[in-house]
């Protein structure tokens, strides 16, 4: 079932409020080598980077569910 415009707008607003992108710049060869490394591990680049950040912070990263978001909205 396709996503409705209202759902798309709601999701975009939530992401703008709650999500921040952290990026780094790499030479193309290094970026491709890292993508290949991630693929060889059966993981995504994003997954590996999130794991590294969690390790640096010394705790798991926040992962919220749609149910938790609804509970927060309802107060």
Protein backbone atom coordinates (compact mmCIF):
# COMPACT_ATOMS: atom_id res chain seq x y z
CA UNK A 1 0.00 0.00 0.00
CA UNK A 2 1.49 3.37 -0.99
CA UNK A 3 2.24 5.95 1.67
CA UNK A 4 -0.28 8.78 1.88
CA UNK A 5 0.79 12.41 1.55
CA UNK A 6 -0.26 13.05 5.15
CA UNK A 7 1.89 10.17 6.43
CA UNK A 8 4.84 11.34 4.30
CA UNK A 9 4.55 14.88 5.70
CA UNK A 10 4.20 13.60 9.27
CA UNK A 11 7.28 11.39 8.87
CA UNK A 12 9.28 14.25 7.36
CA UNK A 13 8.34 16.56 10.24
CA UNK A 14 9.29 13.92 12.81
CA UNK A 15 12.65 13.30 11.13
CA UNK A 16 13.42 17.02 10.97
CA UNK A 17 12.72 17.34 14.70
CA UNK A 18 14.42 14.14 15.90
CA UNK A 19 17.09 13.03 13.42
CA UNK A 20 20.47 14.59 12.67
CA UNK A 21 22.75 13.37 9.88
CA UNK A 22 26.44 13.11 10.69
CA UNK A 23 28.66 12.84 7.64
CA UNK A 24 32.30 12.68 6.67
CA UNK A 25 34.08 13.20 3.40
CA UNK A 26 36.31 10.49 1.98
CA UNK A 27 38.23 10.04 -1.21
CA UNK A 28 36.16 7.97 -3.63
CA UNK A 29 38.52 5.00 -3.44
CA UNK A 30 38.32 4.93 0.36
CA UNK A 31 34.53 5.27 0.33
CA UNK A 32 34.21 2.43 -2.17
CA UNK A 33 36.63 0.26 -0.16
CA UNK A 34 34.51 0.84 2.96
CA UNK A 35 31.30 -0.01 1.08
CA UNK A 36 32.93 -3.22 -0.10
CA UNK A 37 34.07 -3.98 3.46
CA UNK A 38 30.53 -3.46 4.76
CA UNK A 39 29.09 -5.68 2.03
CA UNK A 40 31.63 -8.40 2.82
CA UNK A 41 30.46 -8.27 6.44
CA UNK A 42 26.84 -8.53 5.29
CA UNK A 43 26.09 -5.13 6.81
CA UNK A 44 25.32 -1.63 5.61
CA UNK A 45 27.69 1.31 5.83
CA UNK A 46 25.15 3.05 8.06
CA UNK A 47 24.97 0.06 10.40
CA UNK A 48 28.76 -0.07 10.80
CA UNK A 49 29.01 3.67 11.42
CA UNK A 50 26.18 3.59 13.98
CA UNK A 51 27.95 0.73 15.78
CA UNK A 52 31.18 2.76 15.88
CA UNK A 53 29.39 5.83 17.27
CA UNK A 54 27.71 3.72 19.95
CA UNK A 55 31.11 2.33 20.93
CA UNK A 56 32.57 5.83 21.19
CA UNK A 57 29.65 6.91 23.40
CA UNK A 58 29.91 3.77 25.50
CA UNK A 59 26.21 3.03 25.21
CA UNK A 60 23.64 1.83 22.69
CA UNK A 61 22.20 4.49 20.41
CA UNK A 62 18.60 5.52 20.86
CA UNK A 63 16.14 3.48 18.85
CA UNK A 64 12.56 4.56 19.08
CA UNK A 65 9.55 2.67 17.88
CA UNK A 66 6.41 4.09 16.35
CA UNK A 67 4.53 3.04 19.50
CA UNK A 68 6.90 5.10 21.69
CA UNK A 69 6.45 8.09 19.39
CA UNK A 70 2.66 7.80 19.62
CA UNK A 71 2.80 7.55 23.42
CA UNK A 72 4.92 10.69 23.57
CA UNK A 73 2.47 12.56 21.31
CA UNK A 74 -0.50 11.50 23.41
CA UNK A 75 1.30 12.75 26.49
